[in-house]
Structures are given as C-alpha cells and as structure tokens.
Amino acid sequence: MDNTVANIEEIPDGYFRIHWPQSQMLMDVPGYDEDVIHCVGGAAIDELSTVALPYKWMDAVEEQLGKKTRFYVQVINQKHKLN
C-alpha cells in the first residue's frame, strides 16, 4: 500500500488527520509505521505537513499530546466533514 495521498477523498474511512509536528511524538508508538498515511496537496490540513492515522490512535494522541490536542484534532477533522 502506498502510504501517501494527495486528495482528501483518498484517506480511508476511520482515519483522522493531524499536523506533522504534533504527530512526531507518536512515531515511537508501536504500529505507527504500519498505520500512518502521509497527506500532501489537497489531503493536507491548511497546506501544512499532515499525516492521517486510524481513530484507534486517539487514545495515544491524548496520552502523548494531552486532551487539548485530542480535542483540536477532533474539531479540525469534523470541520472538514461539515465543509
């Protein structure tokens, strides 16, 4: 499987997007390399470096980055669904 997508429609259902600087803290969690999808072009958030991960990673986001980051990630992904 190619782990890079250029269009948001290519991101599988059940995935959320997170900016690259935030996701760096998740790289050491087992399974990251297998689950991560790199987002470029129209798949990126606000043209910033972005990755997509399955929703099962939300607990890791909260554990590694805190509740505020988890909330932010949920809001930014919901905003896309509404637009």
N, C-alpha and C. Protein backbone atom coordinates (compact mmCIF):
# COMPACT_ATOMS: atom_id res chain seq x y z
N MET A 1 0.84 -1.20 0.00
CA MET A 1 0.00 0.00 0.00
C MET A 1 0.87 1.24 0.00
N ASP A 2 0.56 2.19 -0.89
CA ASP A 2 1.27 3.46 -0.90
C ASP A 2 0.79 4.28 0.28
N ASN A 3 1.70 4.78 1.07
CA ASN A 3 1.34 5.50 2.29
C ASN A 3 1.31 7.01 2.10
N THR A 4 1.05 7.46 0.88
CA THR A 4 0.92 8.89 0.60
C THR A 4 -0.34 9.13 -0.21
N VAL A 5 -1.12 10.13 0.19
CA VAL A 5 -2.32 10.51 -0.56
C VAL A 5 -2.27 12.00 -0.86
N ALA A 6 -2.82 12.38 -2.00
CA ALA A 6 -2.82 13.78 -2.40
C ALA A 6 -4.21 14.42 -2.33
N ASN A 7 -5.23 13.61 -2.26
CA ASN A 7 -6.61 14.12 -2.20
C ASN A 7 -7.28 13.60 -0.94
N ILE A 8 -8.05 14.44 -0.31
CA ILE A 8 -8.69 14.05 0.94
C ILE A 8 -9.61 12.85 0.76
N GLU A 9 -10.17 12.71 -0.42
CA GLU A 9 -11.06 11.58 -0.69
C GLU A 9 -10.33 10.24 -0.64
N GLU A 10 -9.01 10.27 -0.78
CA GLU A 10 -8.21 9.04 -0.76
C GLU A 10 -7.94 8.52 0.65
N ILE A 11 -8.19 9.34 1.66
CA ILE A 11 -7.97 8.91 3.04
C ILE A 11 -9.09 7.93 3.39
N PRO A 12 -8.74 6.74 3.85
CA PRO A 12 -9.77 5.74 4.15
C PRO A 12 -10.70 6.21 5.27
N ASP A 13 -11.93 5.71 5.25
CA ASP A 13 -12.85 5.97 6.35
C ASP A 13 -12.21 5.45 7.63
N GLY A 14 -12.49 6.13 8.73
CA GLY A 14 -11.95 5.69 10.01
C GLY A 14 -10.59 6.27 10.33
N TYR A 15 -10.12 7.22 9.52
CA TYR A 15 -8.84 7.88 9.77
C TYR A 15 -9.09 9.34 10.13
N PHE A 16 -8.19 9.91 10.91
CA PHE A 16 -8.21 11.34 11.20
C PHE A 16 -6.87 11.93 10.77
N ARG A 17 -6.86 13.23 10.56
CA ARG A 17 -5.62 13.92 10.17
C ARG A 17 -5.06 14.70 11.34
N ILE A 18 -3.74 14.79 11.37
CA ILE A 18 -3.04 15.53 12.42
C ILE A 18 -1.79 16.14 11.79
N HIS A 19 -1.45 17.36 12.23
CA HIS A 19 -0.26 18.03 11.70
C HIS A 19 1.00 17.24 12.04
N TRP A 20 1.98 17.31 11.17
CA TRP A 20 3.23 16.58 11.33
C TRP A 20 3.96 16.92 12.64
N PRO A 21 4.16 18.17 13.01
CA PRO A 21 4.92 18.39 14.25
C PRO A 21 4.29 17.70 15.46
N GLN A 22 2.97 17.68 15.53
CA GLN A 22 2.30 17.01 16.64
C GLN A 22 2.46 15.50 16.54
N SER A 23 2.38 14.98 15.34
CA SER A 23 2.42 13.53 15.17
C SER A 23 3.81 12.96 15.41
N GLN A 24 4.84 13.79 15.41
CA GLN A 24 6.20 13.29 15.65
C GLN A 24 6.30 12.57 16.99
N MET A 25 5.56 13.02 17.97
CA MET A 25 5.60 12.40 19.29
C MET A 25 4.97 11.01 19.29
N LEU A 26 4.24 10.68 18.24
CA LEU A 26 3.59 9.38 18.15
C LEU A 26 4.44 8.35 17.42
N MET A 27 5.52 8.79 16.80
CA MET A 27 6.31 7.92 15.93
C MET A 27 6.90 6.70 16.65
N ASP A 28 7.14 6.80 17.94
CA ASP A 28 7.73 5.69 18.68
C ASP A 28 6.69 4.70 19.20
N VAL A 29 5.42 5.01 19.03
CA VAL A 29 4.36 4.10 19.47
C VAL A 29 4.31 2.92 18.49
N PRO A 30 4.33 1.69 19.01
CA PRO A 30 4.29 0.53 18.10
C PRO A 30 3.09 0.58 17.16
N GLY A 31 3.34 0.27 15.89
CA GLY A 31 2.29 0.25 14.88
C GLY A 31 2.19 1.53 14.06
N TYR A 32 2.92 2.58 14.46
CA TYR A 32 2.83 3.86 13.75
C TYR A 32 3.17 3.69 12.27
N ASP A 33 4.31 3.09 11.98
CA ASP A 33 4.75 2.97 10.59
C ASP A 33 3.75 2.18 9.74
N GLU A 34 3.09 1.21 10.33
CA GLU A 34 2.13 0.40 9.59
C GLU A 34 0.83 1.16 9.32
N ASP A 35 0.46 2.06 10.22
CA ASP A 35 -0.84 2.74 10.13
C ASP A 35 -0.79 4.12 9.48
N VAL A 36 0.35 4.79 9.50
CA VAL A 36 0.43 6.19 9.07
C VAL A 36 0.25 6.33 7.56
N ILE A 37 -0.46 7.40 7.18
CA ILE A 37 -0.60 7.80 5.78
C ILE A 37 -0.15 9.26 5.71
N HIS A 38 0.79 9.55 4.83
CA HIS A 38 1.28 10.92 4.66
C HIS A 38 0.35 11.66 3.71
N CYS A 39 -0.06 12.84 4.11
CA CYS A 39 -1.03 13.64 3.34
C CYS A 39 -0.32 14.82 2.69
N VAL A 40 -0.48 14.97 1.39
CA VAL A 40 0.11 16.09 0.66
C VAL A 40 -0.99 16.76 -0.14
N GLY A 41 -0.70 17.92 -0.68
CA GLY A 41 -1.66 18.63 -1.53
C GLY A 41 -2.99 18.84 -0.85
N GLY A 42 -4.06 18.44 -1.51
CA GLY A 42 -5.41 18.65 -1.01
C GLY A 42 -5.76 17.81 0.20
N ALA A 43 -4.95 16.83 0.52
CA ALA A 43 -5.21 16.00 1.70
C ALA A 43 -4.61 16.61 2.97
N ALA A 44 -3.71 17.56 2.81
CA ALA A 44 -3.07 18.19 3.97
C ALA A 44 -4.01 19.22 4.60
N ILE A 45 -3.80 19.47 5.89
CA ILE A 45 -4.58 20.49 6.60
C ILE A 45 -3.91 21.84 6.38
N ASP A 46 -4.62 22.76 5.78
CA ASP A 46 -4.12 24.12 5.57
C ASP A 46 -2.73 24.14 4.93
N GLU A 47 -2.48 23.19 4.02
CA GLU A 47 -1.22 23.10 3.29
C GLU A 47 -0.01 22.88 4.19
N LEU A 48 -0.21 22.42 5.42
CA LEU A 48 0.88 22.11 6.33
C LEU A 48 1.16 20.61 6.27
N SER A 49 2.35 20.21 6.67
CA SER A 49 2.67 18.79 6.70
C SER A 49 1.67 18.08 7.61
N THR A 50 1.07 17.03 7.07
CA THR A 50 -0.04 16.35 7.74
C THR A 50 0.10 14.85 7.55
N VAL A 51 -0.32 14.10 8.56
CA VAL A 51 -0.44 12.65 8.41
C VAL A 51 -1.85 12.26 8.82
N ALA A 52 -2.25 11.05 8.41
CA ALA A 52 -3.54 10.50 8.81
C ALA A 52 -3.28 9.19 9.55
N LEU A 53 -4.06 8.97 10.60
CA LEU A 53 -3.96 7.75 11.40
C LEU A 53 -5.36 7.23 11.68
N PRO A 54 -5.50 5.93 11.92
CA PRO A 54 -6.81 5.38 12.28
C PRO A 54 -7.30 5.96 13.61
N TYR A 55 -8.62 6.04 13.79
CA TYR A 55 -9.19 6.60 15.01
C TYR A 55 -8.74 5.86 16.27
N LYS A 56 -8.31 4.60 16.14
CA LYS A 56 -7.80 3.88 17.31
C LYS A 56 -6.60 4.59 17.93
N TRP A 57 -6.00 5.52 17.22
CA TRP A 57 -4.86 6.28 17.72
C TRP A 57 -5.26 7.47 18.60
N MET A 58 -6.54 7.77 18.71
CA MET A 58 -6.96 8.92 19.51
C MET A 58 -6.51 8.81 20.97
N ASP A 59 -6.53 7.61 21.54
CA ASP A 59 -6.06 7.44 22.92
C ASP A 59 -4.58 7.76 23.02
N ALA A 60 -3.80 7.36 22.01
CA ALA A 60 -2.37 7.68 22.01
C ALA A 60 -2.15 9.18 21.86
N VAL A 61 -2.99 9.84 21.05
CA VAL A 61 -2.89 11.30 20.91
C VAL A 61 -3.09 11.95 22.27
N GLU A 62 -4.13 11.54 22.98
CA GLU A 62 -4.40 12.13 24.30
C GLU A 62 -3.27 11.82 25.28
N GLU A 63 -2.80 10.59 25.27
CA GLU A 63 -1.74 10.18 26.20
C GLU A 63 -0.43 10.92 25.93
N GLN A 64 -0.05 11.03 24.67
CA GLN A 64 1.23 11.64 24.31
C GLN A 64 1.17 13.17 24.21
N LEU A 65 0.03 13.70 23.80
CA LEU A 65 -0.07 15.13 23.50
C LEU A 65 -1.06 15.89 24.36
N GLY A 66 -1.90 15.19 25.11
CA GLY A 66 -2.85 15.84 26.00
C GLY A 66 -4.25 15.95 25.44
N LYS A 67 -5.18 16.24 26.36
CA LYS A 67 -6.60 16.33 25.99
C LYS A 67 -6.88 17.48 25.04
N LYS A 68 -6.18 18.60 25.19
CA LYS A 68 -6.43 19.74 24.31
C LYS A 68 -6.09 19.40 22.87
N THR A 69 -5.01 18.67 22.68
CA THR A 69 -4.63 18.27 21.32
C THR A 69 -5.65 17.30 20.76
N ARG A 70 -6.10 16.35 21.58
CA ARG A 70 -7.12 15.40 21.11
C ARG A 70 -8.37 16.16 20.68
N PHE A 71 -8.80 17.12 21.48
CA PHE A 71 -9.98 17.91 21.14
C PHE A 71 -9.75 18.68 19.84
N TYR A 72 -8.59 19.30 19.71
CA TYR A 72 -8.26 20.05 18.49
C TYR A 72 -8.32 19.14 17.25
N VAL A 73 -7.72 17.95 17.37
CA VAL A 73 -7.72 17.02 16.24
C VAL A 73 -9.16 16.62 15.88
N GLN A 74 -9.99 16.39 16.87
CA GLN A 74 -11.38 16.03 16.60
C GLN A 74 -12.12 17.17 15.90
N VAL A 75 -11.89 18.39 16.36
CA VAL A 75 -12.56 19.56 15.77
C VAL A 75 -12.09 19.79 14.34
N ILE A 76 -10.78 19.75 14.09
CA ILE A 76 -10.27 20.02 12.75
C ILE A 76 -10.78 18.97 11.75
N ASN A 77 -10.93 17.74 12.20
CA ASN A 77 -11.43 16.70 11.32
C ASN A 77 -12.94 16.80 11.12
N GLN A 78 -13.65 17.20 12.13
CA GLN A 78 -15.10 17.40 12.00
C GLN A 78 -15.38 18.57 11.07
N LYS A 79 -14.58 19.62 11.18
CA LYS A 79 -14.74 20.80 10.34
C LYS A 79 -14.66 20.40 8.87
N HIS A 80 -13.76 19.51 8.52
CA HIS A 80 -13.66 19.05 7.14
C HIS A 80 -14.95 18.36 6.70
N LYS A 81 -15.50 17.54 7.56
CA LYS A 81 -16.73 16.80 7.22
C LYS A 81 -17.91 17.74 7.00
N LEU A 82 -17.90 18.88 7.69
CA LEU A 82 -19.00 19.82 7.58
C LEU A 82 -18.89 20.69 6.33
N ASN A 83 -17.67 20.87 5.83
CA ASN A 83 -17.46 21.75 4.66
C ASN A 83 -17.74 21.05 3.37
